[in-house]
């Protein structure tokens, strides 16, 4: 329970930081007459909406299982991660569309204002990123990419503002902005791919079904393993179902066998398992064959 509260608190802090800075960013963008900062303010507004929805869904995802949702509501957190990824991609595309025209027609900006806003931006978004980067679920991971994008963005603004201040070359800013935006798109695409895999109940990337089968077959009395399914609810809770064919005489002490099997599954980061024990004379399931 304390871990769940920690996740909610992490997201809550990120929400407060992002909303506060979005307001400050609009003021700073108008003061410095920087379209780049104003565009990023719009992007941060989208982040704020996403963070708020993530916070709400993260809280709801902790509801206990019921008759309708027997696995509980943990996948609401995953839904939030999907929403966050889509908004992050949309925001990055928007930044690119605003930045590319500036390659041909650079606009004059207040470089000193850019430098000041960049320092404040790095502090605000850096604090939020450090709070979320150690998160274990997909929601926190995707949200941390949101904030990392902002940190890197403000580092770019700081470097660009400094170079513009000394060289008075305004094309530097759009070039660097395009570079970091492409980098962020690469990162969020990886996270989005993992989110989609979880939705389709793919085997988690850190789990090998072959290794699980090898471990189970190494248990004394286990003859065969079939109809194995491994998936994750939300990126943290890994689930296993499978049919285990064992020696006939061991069926009388099935509890001991199940205990050994579950202990083996824990070595493979399986938190929840449903096991069907069978004799070699009876087999059920899609992959069923008589041994």
Protein backbone atom coordinates (compact mmCIF):
# COMPACT_ATOMS: atom_id res chain seq x y z
CA UNK A 1 0.00 0.00 0.00
CA UNK A 2 2.87 2.36 0.83
CA UNK A 3 4.33 1.70 -2.65
CA UNK A 4 1.01 2.70 -4.28
CA UNK A 5 0.91 5.94 -2.26
CA UNK A 6 4.50 6.62 -3.32
CA UNK A 7 3.55 6.32 -7.01
CA UNK A 8 0.59 8.66 -6.54
CA UNK A 9 2.72 11.16 -4.62
CA UNK A 10 5.40 11.09 -7.34
CA UNK A 11 2.83 11.84 -10.05
CA UNK A 12 1.15 14.48 -7.86
CA UNK A 13 4.44 16.35 -7.40
CA UNK A 14 5.12 16.13 -11.14
CA UNK A 15 1.64 17.58 -11.82
CA UNK A 16 2.18 20.53 -9.50
CA UNK A 17 5.62 21.27 -10.92
CA UNK A 18 4.46 21.05 -14.53
CA UNK A 19 1.30 23.15 -14.10
CA UNK A 20 3.18 25.83 -12.14
CA UNK A 21 5.93 26.01 -14.70
CA UNK A 22 3.51 26.13 -17.65
CA UNK A 23 2.00 29.33 -16.23
CA UNK A 24 5.46 30.77 -15.60
CA UNK A 25 6.52 29.75 -19.10
CA UNK A 26 3.67 31.65 -20.77
CA UNK A 27 4.66 34.79 -18.86
CA UNK A 28 8.34 34.28 -19.73
CA UNK A 29 7.56 33.63 -23.39
CA UNK A 30 5.59 36.86 -23.72
CA UNK A 31 8.30 38.79 -21.88
CA UNK A 32 11.15 37.43 -24.06
CA UNK A 33 9.07 37.55 -27.26
CA UNK A 34 10.22 33.96 -27.91
CA UNK A 35 7.94 31.84 -30.06
CA UNK A 36 10.01 28.82 -29.08
CA UNK A 37 9.20 29.31 -25.40
CA UNK A 38 5.53 29.99 -26.15
CA UNK A 39 5.35 26.87 -28.30
CA UNK A 40 6.91 24.86 -25.52
CA UNK A 41 4.37 26.40 -23.12
CA UNK A 42 1.63 24.94 -25.30
CA UNK A 43 3.42 21.61 -25.28
CA UNK A 44 3.77 21.76 -21.48
CA UNK A 45 0.06 22.53 -21.22
CA UNK A 46 -0.57 19.24 -23.02
CA UNK A 47 1.85 17.58 -20.60
CA UNK A 48 -0.10 19.04 -17.68
CA UNK A 49 -3.37 17.62 -18.99
CA UNK A 50 -1.68 14.25 -19.41
CA UNK A 51 -0.11 14.34 -15.96
CA UNK A 52 -3.43 15.17 -14.34
CA UNK A 53 -5.19 12.30 -16.13
CA UNK A 54 -2.31 10.03 -15.18
CA UNK A 55 -2.61 11.03 -11.54
CA UNK A 56 -6.36 10.34 -11.54
CA UNK A 57 -6.03 7.02 -13.37
CA UNK A 58 -3.13 5.95 -11.14
CA UNK A 59 -5.36 6.45 -8.08
CA UNK A 60 -8.27 4.56 -9.65
CA UNK A 61 -5.97 1.73 -10.75
CA UNK A 62 -5.47 0.78 -7.10
CA UNK A 63 -9.13 -0.23 -6.62
CA UNK A 64 -9.54 -3.81 -5.45
CA UNK A 65 -10.75 -6.54 -7.86
CA UNK A 66 -14.49 -7.06 -8.08
CA UNK A 67 -16.95 -9.35 -9.84
CA UNK A 68 -16.68 -7.39 -13.09
CA UNK A 69 -12.92 -6.76 -13.14
CA UNK A 70 -11.48 -9.84 -11.47
CA UNK A 71 -7.87 -8.76 -12.07
CA UNK A 72 -8.59 -5.32 -10.63
CA UNK A 73 -8.10 -1.91 -12.23
CA UNK A 74 -4.32 -1.90 -12.62
CA UNK A 75 -4.53 -1.54 -16.40
CA UNK A 76 -5.98 1.95 -16.00
CA UNK A 77 -2.40 2.94 -15.29
CA UNK A 78 -1.42 1.38 -18.62
CA UNK A 79 -4.19 3.29 -20.40
CA UNK A 80 -2.74 6.48 -19.00
CA UNK A 81 0.71 5.49 -20.28
CA UNK A 82 -0.76 5.02 -23.78
CA UNK A 83 -2.48 8.41 -23.62
CA UNK A 84 0.73 10.04 -22.42
CA UNK A 85 2.72 8.51 -25.27
CA UNK A 86 0.26 9.69 -27.92
CA UNK A 87 0.17 13.25 -26.56
CA UNK A 88 3.96 13.30 -26.29
CA UNK A 89 4.29 12.23 -29.93
CA UNK A 90 1.71 14.82 -30.98
CA UNK A 91 3.48 17.54 -29.03
CA UNK A 92 6.84 16.64 -30.53
CA UNK A 93 5.42 16.72 -34.07
CA UNK A 94 3.90 20.13 -33.28
CA UNK A 95 7.30 21.42 -32.13
CA UNK A 96 8.92 20.15 -35.34
CA UNK A 97 6.27 21.84 -37.48
CA UNK A 98 6.87 25.12 -35.66
CA UNK A 99 10.65 24.80 -35.78
CA UNK A 100 11.32 23.79 -39.40
CA UNK A 101 10.12 27.13 -40.91
CA UNK A 102 12.61 28.93 -38.67
CA UNK A 103 15.48 27.27 -40.51
CA UNK A 104 14.73 29.50 -43.51
CA UNK A 105 13.42 32.52 -41.63
CA UNK A 106 15.08 32.78 -38.21
CA UNK A 107 13.26 35.13 -35.82
CA UNK A 108 14.89 37.52 -33.37
CA UNK A 109 14.49 36.51 -29.74
CA UNK A 110 15.58 37.93 -26.39
CA UNK A 111 18.58 35.68 -25.72
CA UNK A 112 18.94 36.84 -22.10
CA UNK A 113 15.29 36.02 -21.47
CA UNK A 114 15.82 32.59 -23.05
CA UNK A 115 18.79 31.89 -20.77
CA UNK A 116 16.87 32.89 -17.64
CA UNK A 117 13.82 30.82 -18.57
CA UNK A 118 16.04 27.86 -19.48
CA UNK A 119 17.66 27.82 -16.03
CA UNK A 120 14.25 27.93 -14.33
CA UNK A 121 12.93 25.26 -16.71
CA UNK A 122 15.81 22.88 -16.01
CA UNK A 123 15.26 23.24 -12.25
CA UNK A 124 11.47 22.72 -12.38
CA UNK A 125 11.38 19.85 -14.87
CA UNK A 126 14.57 18.26 -13.57
CA UNK A 127 13.03 17.96 -10.11
CA UNK A 128 9.97 16.23 -11.57
CA UNK A 129 12.08 13.88 -13.71
CA UNK A 130 14.27 12.82 -10.78
CA UNK A 131 11.12 12.07 -8.80
CA UNK A 132 9.67 9.78 -11.47
CA UNK A 133 12.70 8.21 -13.18
CA UNK A 134 12.94 5.34 -10.67
CA UNK A 135 9.28 4.43 -11.14
CA UNK A 136 8.65 0.77 -11.85
CA UNK A 137 5.37 0.87 -13.78
CA UNK A 138 4.79 1.96 -17.37
CA UNK A 139 2.84 5.04 -16.32
CA UNK A 140 5.75 6.47 -14.34
CA UNK A 141 8.26 5.53 -17.06
CA UNK A 142 6.33 7.32 -19.80
CA UNK A 143 5.71 10.34 -17.58
CA UNK A 144 9.42 10.51 -16.81
CA UNK A 145 10.02 10.72 -20.58
CA UNK A 146 7.65 13.69 -20.66
CA UNK A 147 9.76 15.49 -18.09
CA UNK A 148 13.07 14.37 -19.59
CA UNK A 149 11.92 15.86 -22.87
CA UNK A 150 11.35 19.16 -21.11
CA UNK A 151 14.72 19.04 -19.32
CA UNK A 152 16.57 18.35 -22.57
CA UNK A 153 14.50 21.00 -24.29
CA UNK A 154 15.54 23.62 -21.79
CA UNK A 155 19.17 22.55 -22.00
CA UNK A 156 18.87 23.17 -25.75
CA UNK A 157 17.27 26.57 -25.07
CA UNK A 158 20.08 27.42 -22.62
CA UNK A 159 22.80 26.48 -25.11
CA UNK A 160 20.99 28.16 -27.97
CA UNK A 161 20.35 31.33 -25.96
CA UNK A 162 24.00 31.48 -24.92
CA UNK A 163 25.28 31.01 -28.49
CA UNK A 164 22.79 33.56 -29.82
CA UNK A 165 23.86 36.04 -27.15
CA UNK A 166 27.53 35.80 -28.19
CA UNK A 167 27.19 35.10 -31.94
CA UNK A 168 23.84 36.71 -32.77
CA UNK A 169 23.02 33.74 -35.02
CA UNK A 170 19.32 32.91 -34.57
CA UNK A 171 19.31 29.75 -36.73
CA UNK A 172 21.10 27.87 -33.94
CA UNK A 173 17.93 27.48 -31.88
CA UNK A 174 15.77 25.61 -34.46
CA UNK A 175 18.64 23.29 -35.42
CA UNK A 176 19.19 22.17 -31.82
CA UNK A 177 15.45 21.93 -31.16
CA UNK A 178 14.97 19.54 -34.08
CA UNK A 179 17.81 17.35 -32.79
CA UNK A 180 16.47 16.88 -29.26
CA UNK A 181 12.88 16.41 -30.49
CA UNK A 182 13.94 13.54 -32.75
CA UNK A 183 15.78 11.99 -29.80
CA UNK A 184 12.68 12.20 -27.61
CA UNK A 185 10.50 10.67 -30.36
CA UNK A 186 12.90 7.75 -30.49
CA UNK A 187 12.61 7.23 -26.74
CA UNK A 188 8.84 7.51 -26.49
CA UNK A 189 8.43 5.17 -29.48
CA UNK A 190 10.26 2.47 -27.52
CA UNK A 191 7.95 2.99 -24.55
CA UNK A 192 4.87 3.04 -26.79
CA UNK A 193 5.92 -0.25 -28.36
CA UNK A 194 6.16 -1.82 -24.88
CA UNK A 195 2.75 -0.42 -23.91
CA UNK A 196 1.17 -1.88 -27.05
CA UNK A 197 2.84 -5.25 -26.38
CA UNK A 198 1.32 -5.30 -22.90
CA UNK A 199 -2.13 -4.46 -24.28
CA UNK A 200 -1.81 -7.41 -26.67
CA UNK A 201 -0.66 -9.62 -23.77
CA UNK A 202 2.74 -10.28 -25.29
CA UNK A 203 5.38 -12.01 -23.18
CA UNK A 204 7.27 -9.32 -21.19
CA UNK A 205 10.64 -8.49 -22.71
CA UNK A 206 12.48 -9.45 -19.51
CA UNK A 207 10.98 -12.95 -19.40
CA UNK A 208 11.87 -16.01 -21.48
CA UNK A 209 9.17 -18.67 -21.84
CA UNK A 210 11.84 -21.21 -22.83
CA UNK A 211 13.77 -20.54 -19.62
CA UNK A 212 10.59 -20.92 -17.59
CA UNK A 213 9.87 -24.28 -19.22
CA UNK A 214 13.46 -25.43 -18.60
CA UNK A 215 13.16 -24.48 -14.94
CA UNK A 216 9.86 -26.29 -14.53
CA UNK A 217 11.10 -29.43 -16.31
CA UNK A 218 14.06 -29.50 -13.92
CA UNK A 219 11.65 -30.08 -11.01
CA UNK A 220 11.64 -33.75 -10.02
CA UNK A 221 8.46 -35.46 -11.22
CA UNK A 222 7.58 -32.94 -13.95
CA UNK A 223 7.27 -34.71 -17.30
CA UNK A 224 6.00 -32.01 -19.63
CA UNK A 225 4.84 -28.41 -19.74
CA UNK A 226 2.31 -27.15 -22.28
CA UNK A 227 -0.22 -24.39 -22.94
CA UNK A 228 2.02 -21.86 -21.25
CA UNK A 229 0.90 -18.22 -21.30
CA UNK A 230 2.84 -15.34 -19.78
CA UNK A 231 1.77 -11.70 -19.86
CA UNK A 232 1.77 -8.56 -17.74
CA UNK A 233 -1.11 -6.53 -16.39
CA UNK A 234 0.60 -3.15 -16.46
CA UNK A 235 4.34 -3.70 -16.80
CA UNK A 236 4.87 -4.80 -13.19
CA UNK A 237 2.53 -7.70 -12.38
CA UNK A 238 3.56 -10.68 -14.51
CA UNK A 239 1.06 -13.54 -14.83
CA UNK A 240 1.57 -17.21 -15.73
CA UNK A 241 -0.91 -19.90 -16.67
CA UNK A 242 0.10 -23.39 -17.74
CA UNK A 243 -0.56 -27.11 -17.72
CA UNK A 244 2.05 -29.21 -15.93
CA UNK A 245 2.17 -32.96 -16.61
CA UNK A 246 3.56 -34.82 -13.59
CA UNK A 247 4.12 -38.40 -12.42
CA UNK A 248 0.90 -40.18 -11.52
CA UNK A 249 1.92 -40.85 -7.91
CA UNK A 250 2.60 -37.14 -7.28
CA UNK A 251 -0.99 -36.10 -7.91
CA UNK A 252 -1.89 -37.26 -4.40
CA UNK A 253 0.40 -34.56 -3.01
CA UNK A 254 -0.45 -31.81 -5.47
CA UNK A 255 -0.03 -28.99 -2.95
CA UNK A 256 3.67 -29.77 -2.56
CA UNK A 257 4.14 -29.84 -6.33
CA UNK A 258 2.33 -26.54 -6.78
CA UNK A 259 4.49 -24.98 -4.08
CA UNK A 260 7.67 -26.07 -5.86
CA UNK A 261 6.33 -24.83 -9.20
CA UNK A 262 5.35 -21.44 -7.77
CA UNK A 263 8.76 -21.05 -6.13
CA UNK A 264 10.39 -21.73 -9.50
CA UNK A 265 8.10 -19.20 -11.21
CA UNK A 266 9.06 -16.52 -8.68
CA UNK A 267 12.65 -16.85 -9.94
CA UNK A 268 11.32 -15.67 -13.31
CA UNK A 269 9.54 -12.60 -11.86
CA UNK A 270 6.08 -14.19 -12.00
CA UNK A 271 3.83 -12.61 -9.34
CA UNK A 272 0.58 -14.45 -10.10
CA UNK A 273 0.19 -17.97 -11.47
CA UNK A 274 -2.59 -20.42 -12.27
CA UNK A 275 -1.38 -24.00 -12.56
CA UNK A 276 -3.23 -27.07 -13.84
CA UNK A 277 -1.62 -30.35 -12.86
CA UNK A 278 -2.21 -33.35 -15.13
CA UNK A 279 -1.12 -36.98 -15.28
CA UNK A 280 0.51 -38.44 -18.37
CA UNK A 281 -2.74 -40.32 -19.03
CA UNK A 282 -4.87 -37.18 -19.20
CA UNK A 283 -4.17 -33.98 -21.06
CA UNK A 284 -6.27 -30.94 -21.83
CA UNK A 285 -5.57 -27.69 -23.57
CA UNK A 286 -4.88 -26.30 -27.02
CA UNK A 287 -1.43 -27.90 -27.29
CA UNK A 288 -2.55 -31.18 -25.72
CA UNK A 289 -0.82 -34.37 -26.83
CA UNK A 290 -0.61 -37.68 -25.06
CA UNK A 291 2.82 -38.33 -23.59
